[in-house]
C-alpha atoms as a PDB file:
ATOM      1  CA  MET A   1     -14.840  10.891  45.793  1.00  0.00           C
ATOM      2  CA  SER A   2     -17.255   8.008  46.224  1.00  0.00           C
ATOM      3  CA  GLU A   3     -16.285   4.819  48.002  1.00  0.00           C
ATOM      4  CA  LYS A   4     -15.932   1.724  45.832  1.00  0.00           C
ATOM      5  CA  PHE A   5     -16.670  -1.591  47.490  1.00  0.00           C
ATOM      6  CA  ILE A   6     -15.127  -4.974  46.590  1.00  0.00           C
ATOM      7  CA  PRO A   7     -17.694  -7.529  45.330  1.00  0.00           C
ATOM      8  CA  GLU A   8     -18.454 -10.419  47.650  1.00  0.00           C
ATOM      9  CA  HIS A   9     -18.022 -13.219  45.034  1.00  0.00           C
ATOM     10  CA  ILE A  10     -16.213 -13.288  41.683  1.00  0.00           C
ATOM     11  CA  ASP A  11     -15.095 -15.767  39.020  1.00  0.00           C
ATOM     12  CA  PRO A  12     -11.334 -15.847  39.710  1.00  0.00           C
ATOM     13  CA  PHE A  13     -10.465 -17.775  36.539  1.00  0.00           C
ATOM     14  CA  ARG A  14     -12.095 -15.177  34.281  1.00  0.00           C
ATOM     15  CA  TYR A  15     -10.422 -12.362  36.254  1.00  0.00           C
ATOM     16  CA  ALA A  16      -7.048 -14.146  35.952  1.00  0.00           C
ATOM     17  CA  GLU A  17      -7.357 -14.683  32.196  1.00  0.00           C
ATOM     18  CA  GLN A  18      -8.000 -10.973  31.748  1.00  0.00           C
ATOM     19  CA  ARG A  19      -5.373  -9.967  34.368  1.00  0.00           C
ATOM     20  CA  LEU A  20      -7.930  -7.792  36.129  1.00  0.00           C
ATOM     21  CA  SER A  21      -7.425  -5.977  39.383  1.00  0.00           C
ATOM     22  CA  LEU A  22      -9.846  -4.776  42.010  1.00  0.00           C
ATOM     23  CA  GLU A  23      -9.409  -1.930  44.422  1.00  0.00           C
ATOM     24  CA  GLY A  24     -11.873  -0.837  47.043  1.00  0.00           C
ATOM     25  CA  LEU A  25     -13.220  -1.131  50.550  1.00  0.00           C
ATOM     26  CA  LEU A  26     -14.894  -3.768  52.668  1.00  0.00           C
ATOM     27  CA  LYS A  27     -16.907  -3.103  55.809  1.00  0.00           C
ATOM     28  CA  ILE A  28     -15.758  -4.782  59.026  1.00  0.00           C
ATOM     29  CA  ALA A  29     -19.445  -4.946  60.044  1.00  0.00           C
ATOM     30  CA  ASP A  30     -20.000  -7.502  57.235  1.00  0.00           C
ATOM     31  CA  MET A  31     -17.289  -9.832  58.592  1.00  0.00           C
ATOM     32  CA  GLN A  32     -19.022 -11.940  61.245  1.00  0.00           C
ATOM     33  CA  ARG A  33     -15.993 -13.934  62.451  1.00  0.00           C
ATOM     34  CA  LEU A  34     -13.841 -10.815  62.784  1.00  0.00           C
ATOM     35  CA  ASN A  35     -16.554  -8.943  64.697  1.00  0.00           C
ATOM     36  CA  ALA A  36     -15.985 -11.224  67.699  1.00  0.00           C
ATOM     37  CA  ASN A  37     -12.458  -9.784  68.043  1.00  0.00           C
ATOM     38  CA  VAL A  38     -13.018  -6.064  67.485  1.00  0.00           C
ATOM     39  CA  ILE A  39     -14.768  -3.472  69.632  1.00  0.00           C
ATOM     40  CA  ALA A  40     -15.976  -1.025  66.968  1.00  0.00           C
ATOM     41  CA  ASN A  41     -17.161  -2.550  63.723  1.00  0.00           C
ATOM     42  CA  ASP A  42     -17.644   0.692  61.800  1.00  0.00           C
ATOM     43  CA  ASP A  43     -14.091   0.431  60.430  1.00  0.00           C
ATOM     44  CA  THR A  44     -13.280  -0.472  56.837  1.00  0.00           C
ATOM     45  CA  VAL A  45     -10.566  -2.447  55.067  1.00  0.00           C
ATOM     46  CA  SER A  46      -8.838  -1.022  52.019  1.00  0.00           C
ATOM     47  CA  ALA A  47      -7.863  -3.782  49.603  1.00  0.00           C
ATOM     48  CA  HIS A  48      -6.018  -4.028  46.289  1.00  0.00           C
ATOM     49  CA  LEU A  49      -6.278  -7.389  44.496  1.00  0.00           C
ATOM     50  CA  GLN A  50      -4.470  -8.452  41.317  1.00  0.00           C
ATOM     51  CA  PHE A  51      -5.389 -11.603  39.380  1.00  0.00           C
ATOM     52  CA  GLY A  52      -3.237 -13.450  36.865  1.00  0.00           C
ATOM     53  CA  ILE A  53      -1.755 -16.710  35.597  1.00  0.00           C
ATOM     54  CA  ASP A  54       1.943 -17.356  36.222  1.00  0.00           C
ATOM     55  CA  GLU A  55       4.493 -19.211  34.061  1.00  0.00           C
ATOM     56  CA  GLN A  56       3.623 -22.516  35.806  1.00  0.00           C
ATOM     57  CA  ASP A  57      -0.009 -22.063  34.703  1.00  0.00           C
ATOM     58  CA  VAL A  58      -1.151 -21.351  38.276  1.00  0.00           C
ATOM     59  CA  THR A  59      -4.117 -19.014  38.615  1.00  0.00           C
ATOM     60  CA  PHE A  60      -3.122 -16.582  41.334  1.00  0.00           C
ATOM     61  CA  LEU A  61      -4.396 -13.678  43.370  1.00  0.00           C
ATOM     62  CA  THR A  62      -1.984 -11.253  44.994  1.00  0.00           C
ATOM     63  CA  GLY A  63      -3.312  -8.744  47.427  1.00  0.00           C
ATOM     64  CA  HIS A  64      -2.504  -5.838  49.670  1.00  0.00           C
ATOM     65  CA  LEU A  65      -4.784  -4.761  52.488  1.00  0.00           C
ATOM     66  CA  GLU A  66      -4.737  -2.036  55.098  1.00  0.00           C
ATOM     67  CA  THR A  67      -7.009  -1.465  58.056  1.00  0.00           C
ATOM     68  CA  LYS A  68      -7.094   0.011  61.533  1.00  0.00           C
ATOM     69  CA  LEU A  69      -9.080  -1.970  64.077  1.00  0.00           C
ATOM     70  CA  THR A  70     -10.292  -0.959  67.521  1.00  0.00           C
ATOM     71  CA  LEU A  71      -9.270  -3.672  69.992  1.00  0.00           C
ATOM     72  CA  GLN A  72      -9.366  -3.949  73.774  1.00  0.00           C
ATOM     73  CA  CYS A  73      -6.036  -4.198  75.583  1.00  0.00           C
ATOM     74  CA  GLN A  74      -6.052  -7.331  77.736  1.00  0.00           C
ATOM     75  CA  ARG A  75      -3.631  -5.755  80.211  1.00  0.00           C
ATOM     76  CA  CYS A  76      -5.432  -2.483  81.057  1.00  0.00           C
ATOM     77  CA  MET A  77      -8.818  -3.154  79.362  1.00  0.00           C
ATOM     78  CA  GLU A  78      -8.652   0.193  77.503  1.00  0.00           C
ATOM     79  CA  LEU A  79      -9.333   0.515  73.773  1.00  0.00           C
ATOM     80  CA  PHE A  80      -6.495   0.950  71.302  1.00  0.00           C
ATOM     81  CA  ILE A  81      -6.025   1.133  67.543  1.00  0.00           C
ATOM     82  CA  TYR A  82      -4.239  -1.798  65.897  1.00  0.00           C
ATOM     83  CA  GLU A  83      -3.035  -1.257  62.350  1.00  0.00           C
ATOM     84  CA  ILE A  84      -2.725  -4.129  59.888  1.00  0.00           C
ATOM     85  CA  ILE A  85      -0.860  -3.822  56.601  1.00  0.00           C
ATOM     86  CA  SER A  86      -0.571  -7.167  54.842  1.00  0.00           C
ATOM     87  CA  ASP A  87       0.535  -8.553  51.481  1.00  0.00           C
ATOM     88  CA  PHE A  88      -0.464 -12.043  50.403  1.00  0.00           C
ATOM     89  CA  ALA A  89      -0.236 -14.412  47.430  1.00  0.00           C
ATOM     90  CA  LEU A  90      -2.888 -17.068  46.878  1.00  0.00           C
ATOM     91  CA  GLY A  91      -3.103 -19.836  44.310  1.00  0.00           C
ATOM     92  CA  VAL A  92      -6.700 -20.358  43.215  1.00  0.00           C
ATOM     93  CA  VAL A  93      -7.640 -24.048  43.091  1.00  0.00           C
ATOM     94  CA  ASN A  94     -10.761 -26.191  42.648  1.00  0.00           C
ATOM     95  CA  THR A  95      -9.703 -29.274  44.656  1.00  0.00           C
ATOM     96  CA  LEU A  96      -7.551 -30.223  47.626  1.00  0.00           C
ATOM     97  CA  ASP A  97      -5.220 -32.182  45.318  1.00  0.00           C
ATOM     98  CA  GLU A  98      -4.573 -28.978  43.354  1.00  0.00           C
ATOM     99  CA  ALA A  99      -3.949 -27.165  46.647  1.00  0.00           C
ATOM    100  CA  ASN A 100      -1.326 -29.738  47.666  1.00  0.00           C
ATOM    101  CA  ALA A 101       0.415 -29.362  44.275  1.00  0.00           C
ATOM    102  CA  LEU A 102       0.742 -25.554  44.551  1.00  0.00           C
ATOM    103  CA  PRO A 103       4.241 -24.047  44.593  1.00  0.00           C
ATOM    104  CA  GLU A 104       5.462 -22.890  48.030  1.00  0.00           C
ATOM    105  CA  LEU A 105       4.995 -19.265  47.001  1.00  0.00           C
ATOM    106  CA  TYR A 106       1.200 -19.573  47.187  1.00  0.00           C
ATOM    107  CA  GLU A 107      -1.273 -20.325  49.918  1.00  0.00           C
ATOM    108  CA  PRO A 108      -4.353 -22.129  48.559  1.00  0.00           C
ATOM    109  CA  ALA A 109      -7.660 -20.346  47.946  1.00  0.00           C
ATOM    110  CA  LEU A 110     -10.438 -22.819  47.225  1.00  0.00           C
ATOM    111  CA  ALA A 111     -12.932 -21.737  44.563  1.00  0.00           C
ATOM    112  CA  LYS A 112     -16.373 -23.221  45.168  1.00  0.00           C
ATOM    113  CA  GLU A 113     -18.351 -23.907  41.991  1.00  0.00           C
ATOM    114  CA  GLY A 114     -16.120 -21.486  40.073  1.00  0.00           C
ATOM    115  CA  ASN A 115     -16.631 -18.629  42.549  1.00  0.00           C
ATOM    116  CA  LEU A 116     -14.246 -17.122  45.043  1.00  0.00           C
ATOM    117  CA  ALA A 117     -15.553 -15.453  48.208  1.00  0.00           C
ATOM    118  CA  LEU A 118     -13.370 -12.334  48.387  1.00  0.00           C
ATOM    119  CA  ARG A 119     -14.780 -11.002  51.653  1.00  0.00           C
ATOM    120  CA  GLU A 120     -14.061 -14.325  53.385  1.00  0.00           C
ATOM    121  CA  LEU A 121     -10.496 -14.386  52.011  1.00  0.00           C
ATOM    122  CA  ILE A 122      -9.809 -10.859  53.214  1.00  0.00           C
ATOM    123  CA  GLU A 123     -11.435 -11.598  56.569  1.00  0.00           C
ATOM    124  CA  ASP A 124      -9.184 -14.676  56.922  1.00  0.00           C
ATOM    125  CA  GLU A 125      -6.116 -12.573  56.153  1.00  0.00           C
ATOM    126  CA  ILE A 126      -7.062 -10.001  58.807  1.00  0.00           C
ATOM    127  CA  ILE A 127      -7.750 -12.694  61.413  1.00  0.00           C
ATOM    128  CA  LEU A 128      -4.332 -14.240  60.699  1.00  0.00           C
ATOM    129  CA  ASN A 129      -2.738 -10.846  61.366  1.00  0.00           C
ATOM    130  CA  LEU A 130      -4.497 -10.196  64.678  1.00  0.00           C
ATOM    131  CA  PRO A 131      -2.341 -10.393  67.795  1.00  0.00           C
ATOM    132  CA  ILE A 132      -2.775 -13.529  69.907  1.00  0.00           C
ATOM    133  CA  ILE A 133      -3.265 -11.332  72.975  1.00  0.00           C
ATOM    134  CA  PRO A 134      -4.353  -7.795  72.061  1.00  0.00           C
ATOM    135  CA  ARG A 135      -2.515  -5.230  74.173  1.00  0.00           C
ATOM    136  CA  HIS A 136      -0.803  -1.877  74.019  1.00  0.00           C
ATOM    137  CA  GLU A 137       2.928  -1.596  73.723  1.00  0.00           C
ATOM    138  CA  PRO A 138       4.315  -1.687  77.325  1.00  0.00           C
ATOM    139  CA  GLU A 139       5.323   1.985  77.239  1.00  0.00           C
ATOM    140  CA  GLU A 140       1.833   3.036  76.057  1.00  0.00           C
ATOM    141  CA  CYS A 141      -0.199   0.922  78.486  1.00  0.00           C
ATOM    142  CA  LYS A 142      -1.681   2.364  81.690  1.00  0.00           C
ATOM    143  CA  VAL A 143      -0.752  -0.788  83.604  1.00  0.00           C
ATOM    144  CA  LYS A 144       2.952  -0.796  84.342  1.00  0.00           C
ATOM    145  CA  LEU A 145       4.466  -4.181  84.946  1.00  0.00           C
ATOM    146  CA  PRO A 146       7.400  -4.456  87.353  1.00  0.00           C
ATOM    147  CA  LEU A 147       9.825  -6.133  84.981  1.00  0.00           C
ATOM    148  CA  ALA A 148      13.214  -4.443  85.347  1.00  0.00           C
ATOM    149  CA  ASP A 149      13.009  -3.350  88.989  1.00  0.00           C
ATOM    150  CA  SER A 150      11.259  -6.387  90.426  1.00  0.00           C
ATOM    151  CA  GLY A 151      14.380  -7.882  92.002  1.00  0.00           C
ATOM    152  CA  TRP A 152      13.853 -11.324  90.502  1.00  0.00           C
ATOM    153  CA  GLU A 153      17.210 -11.074  88.738  1.00  0.00           C
ATOM    154  CA  GLN A 154      19.224 -10.532  91.958  1.00  0.00           C
ATOM    155  CA  GLY A 155      20.282 -14.160  92.323  1.00  0.00           C
ATOM    156  CA  LYS A 156      20.973 -14.514  88.631  1.00  0.00           C
ATOM    157  CA  GLY A 157      24.715 -15.162  88.981  1.00  0.00           C
ATOM    158  CA  GLU A 158      24.272 -18.121  91.320  1.00  0.00           C
ATOM    159  CA  SER A 159      23.833 -21.603  89.962  1.00  0.00           C
ATOM    160  CA  PRO A 160      20.490 -23.214  90.724  1.00  0.00           C
ATOM    161  CA  PHE A 161      22.400 -26.470  91.288  1.00  0.00           C
ATOM    162  CA  ARG A 162      24.607 -24.986  94.043  1.00  0.00           C
ATOM    163  CA  VAL A 163      22.504 -26.719  96.716  1.00  0.00           C
ATOM    164  CA  LEU A 164      22.828 -30.074  94.987  1.00  0.00           C
ATOM    165  CA  GLN A 165      26.579 -29.655  94.810  1.00  0.00           C
ATOM    166  CA  SER A 166      26.817 -29.049  98.551  1.00  0.00           C
ATOM    167  CA  LEU A 167      24.760 -32.219  99.207  1.00  0.00           C
ATOM    168  CA  LYS A 168      27.137 -34.212  97.021  1.00  0.00           C
ATOM    169  CA  HIS A 169      30.130 -33.045  99.071  1.00  0.00           C
ATOM    170  CA  LYS A 170      28.360 -33.962 102.369  1.00  0.00           C
ATOM    171  CA  GLN A 171      27.859 -37.579 101.259  1.00  0.00           C
ATOM    172  CA  LYS A 172      31.630 -38.136 100.937  1.00  0.00           C
END
Protein backbone atom coordinates (compact mmCIF):
# COMPACT_ATOMS: atom_id res chain seq x y z
CA MET A 1 0.00 0.00 0.00
CA SER A 2 1.51 3.32 -1.02
CA GLU A 3 1.65 6.27 1.33
CA LYS A 4 -0.62 9.20 0.50
CA PHE A 5 0.57 12.62 1.58
CA ILE A 6 -1.64 15.60 2.51
CA PRO A 7 -1.20 18.61 0.17
CA GLU A 8 0.55 21.63 1.63
CA HIS A 9 -2.05 24.24 0.50
CA ILE A 10 -5.70 23.89 -0.52
CA ASP A 11 -8.75 26.05 -1.24
CA PRO A 12 -10.81 25.37 1.92
CA PHE A 13 -13.98 27.03 0.60
CA ARG A 14 -14.11 24.79 -2.47
CA TYR A 15 -13.39 21.72 -0.30
CA ALA A 16 -16.16 22.78 2.12
CA GLU A 17 -18.74 23.31 -0.62
CA GLN A 18 -18.07 19.80 -1.89
CA ARG A 19 -17.80 18.32 1.65
CA LEU A 20 -14.47 16.74 0.76
CA SER A 21 -12.19 14.91 3.12
CA LEU A 22 -8.48 14.27 3.06
CA GLU A 23 -6.60 11.43 4.65
CA GLY A 24 -2.88 10.90 4.57
CA LEU A 25 0.52 11.51 6.08
CA LEU A 26 2.78 14.47 6.72
CA LYS A 27 6.50 14.27 7.37
CA ILE A 28 7.79 15.73 10.64
CA ALA A 29 10.99 16.66 8.76
CA ASP A 30 8.96 19.23 6.77
CA MET A 31 7.75 20.98 9.95
CA GLN A 32 10.52 23.44 10.84
CA ARG A 33 9.04 24.79 14.09
CA LEU A 34 8.30 21.31 15.42
CA ASN A 35 11.79 20.06 14.57
CA ALA A 36 13.23 22.22 17.36
CA ASN A 37 11.31 20.10 19.90
CA VAL A 38 11.85 16.56 18.61
CA ILE A 39 14.98 14.41 18.51
CA ALA A 40 14.24 12.22 15.47
CA ASN A 41 12.47 13.91 12.60
CA ASP A 42 11.90 10.80 10.48
CA ASP A 43 8.47 10.31 12.09
CA THR A 44 5.19 10.98 10.30
CA VAL A 45 1.78 12.33 11.27
CA SER A 46 -1.37 10.54 10.19
CA ALA A 47 -4.19 13.01 9.58
CA HIS A 48 -7.86 12.82 8.63
CA LEU A 49 -9.49 16.14 7.66
CA GLN A 50 -13.17 16.76 6.89
CA PHE A 51 -14.42 20.00 5.33
CA GLY A 52 -17.97 21.33 5.36
CA ILE A 53 -20.38 24.21 5.98
CA ASP A 54 -22.52 24.10 9.12
CA GLU A 55 -26.09 25.36 9.69
CA GLN A 56 -24.74 28.80 10.73
CA ASP A 57 -23.02 29.08 7.33
CA VAL A 58 -19.56 28.67 8.89
CA THR A 59 -16.95 26.99 6.71
CA PHE A 60 -15.30 24.45 8.96
CA LEU A 61 -12.53 21.89 9.07
CA THR A 62 -12.62 19.05 11.58
CA GLY A 63 -9.58 16.91 11.98
CA HIS A 64 -8.07 13.93 13.71
CA LEU A 65 -4.33 13.38 13.89
CA GLU A 66 -2.07 10.75 15.36
CA THR A 67 1.69 10.69 15.72
CA LYS A 68 4.48 9.32 17.87
CA LEU A 69 7.36 11.70 18.49
CA THR A 70 10.81 11.01 19.88
CA LEU A 71 11.49 13.50 22.68
CA GLN A 72 14.25 13.85 25.27
CA CYS A 73 13.26 13.44 28.91
CA GLN A 74 14.36 16.55 30.82
CA ARG A 75 14.74 14.55 34.03
CA CYS A 76 17.07 11.72 32.90
CA MET A 77 18.03 13.04 29.42
CA GLU A 78 17.08 9.70 27.79
CA LEU A 79 14.90 9.47 24.68
CA PHE A 80 11.27 8.43 24.92
CA ILE A 81 8.26 8.10 22.63
CA TYR A 82 5.43 10.58 23.16
CA GLU A 83 2.13 9.75 21.48
CA ILE A 84 -0.29 12.46 20.39
CA ILE A 85 -3.87 11.73 19.39
CA SER A 86 -5.84 14.92 18.84
CA ASP A 87 -9.23 16.00 17.48
CA PHE A 88 -9.86 19.60 16.51
CA ALA A 89 -12.52 21.83 14.93
CA LEU A 90 -11.53 24.96 13.03
CA GLY A 91 -13.65 27.67 11.48
CA VAL A 92 -12.09 28.90 8.24
CA VAL A 93 -12.11 32.70 7.99
CA ASN A 94 -10.64 35.43 5.77
CA THR A 95 -10.38 38.26 8.33
CA LEU A 96 -9.83 38.80 12.04
CA ASP A 97 -13.37 40.21 12.36
CA GLU A 98 -14.74 36.91 11.02
CA ALA A 99 -12.51 35.06 13.50
CA ASN A 100 -13.93 37.06 16.41
CA ALA A 101 -17.50 36.28 15.25
CA LEU A 102 -16.94 32.49 15.15
CA PRO A 103 -19.05 30.31 17.46
CA GLU A 104 -17.22 28.98 20.54
CA LEU A 105 -17.10 25.51 19.00
CA TYR A 106 -14.44 26.59 16.49
CA GLU A 107 -10.92 27.87 16.72
CA PRO A 108 -10.09 30.24 13.85
CA ALA A 109 -8.03 29.16 10.84
CA LEU A 110 -7.05 32.13 8.70
CA ALA A 111 -7.12 31.54 4.95
CA LYS A 112 -4.59 33.70 3.13
CA GLU A 113 -5.65 34.72 -0.38
CA GLY A 114 -8.17 31.87 -0.45
CA ASN A 115 -5.61 29.21 0.51
CA LEU A 116 -5.19 27.29 3.72
CA ALA A 117 -1.77 25.97 4.76
CA LEU A 118 -2.64 22.48 6.00
CA ARG A 119 0.87 21.51 7.08
CA GLU A 120 1.13 24.64 9.24
CA LEU A 121 -2.28 23.96 10.83
CA ILE A 122 -1.34 20.39 11.67
CA GLU A 123 2.07 21.49 12.94
CA ASP A 124 0.34 24.05 15.19
CA GLU A 125 -1.97 21.36 16.55
CA ILE A 126 0.97 19.07 17.37
CA ILE A 127 2.91 21.89 19.05
CA LEU A 128 -0.15 22.70 21.19
CA ASN A 129 -0.23 19.06 22.32
CA LEU A 130 3.45 18.83 23.28
CA PRO A 131 4.21 18.64 26.99
CA ILE A 132 5.55 21.83 28.57
CA ILE A 133 8.43 19.82 30.04
CA PRO A 134 9.04 16.57 28.16
CA ARG A 135 9.71 13.71 30.57
CA HIS A 136 8.95 10.08 31.22
CA GLU A 137 6.26 9.04 33.63
CA PRO A 138 7.91 8.91 37.11
CA GLU A 139 7.72 5.11 37.27
CA GLU A 140 9.39 4.77 33.83
CA CYS A 141 12.19 7.29 34.36
CA LYS A 142 15.72 6.23 35.33
CA VAL A 143 16.00 9.15 37.75
CA LYS A 144 14.03 8.42 40.88
CA LEU A 145 12.93 11.43 42.84
CA PRO A 146 12.64 11.14 46.62
CA LEU A 147 9.04 12.26 46.92
CA ALA A 148 7.27 9.92 49.35
CA ASP A 149 10.20 8.95 51.58
CA SER A 150 11.96 12.30 51.74
CA GLY A 151 10.77 13.15 55.25
CA TRP A 152 9.52 16.61 54.31
CA GLU A 153 6.01 15.65 55.43
CA GLN A 154 7.06 14.76 59.02
CA GLY A 155 6.06 18.10 60.51
CA LYS A 156 2.87 18.25 58.49
CA GLY A 157 0.50 18.13 61.48
CA GLU A 158 2.04 21.16 63.19
CA SER A 159 0.83 24.63 62.41
CA PRO A 160 3.39 26.90 60.79
CA PHE A 161 2.02 29.71 62.97
CA ARG A 162 2.74 27.85 66.24
CA VAL A 163 5.83 30.02 66.84
CA LEU A 164 3.85 33.21 66.33
CA GLN A 165 1.25 32.03 68.81
CA SER A 166 3.88 31.45 71.48
CA LEU A 167 5.27 34.98 70.91
CA LYS A 168 1.78 36.41 71.35
CA HIS A 169 1.42 34.70 74.74
CA LYS A 170 4.85 36.00 75.89
CA GLN A 171 3.84 39.63 75.26
CA LYS A 172 0.98 39.40 77.78
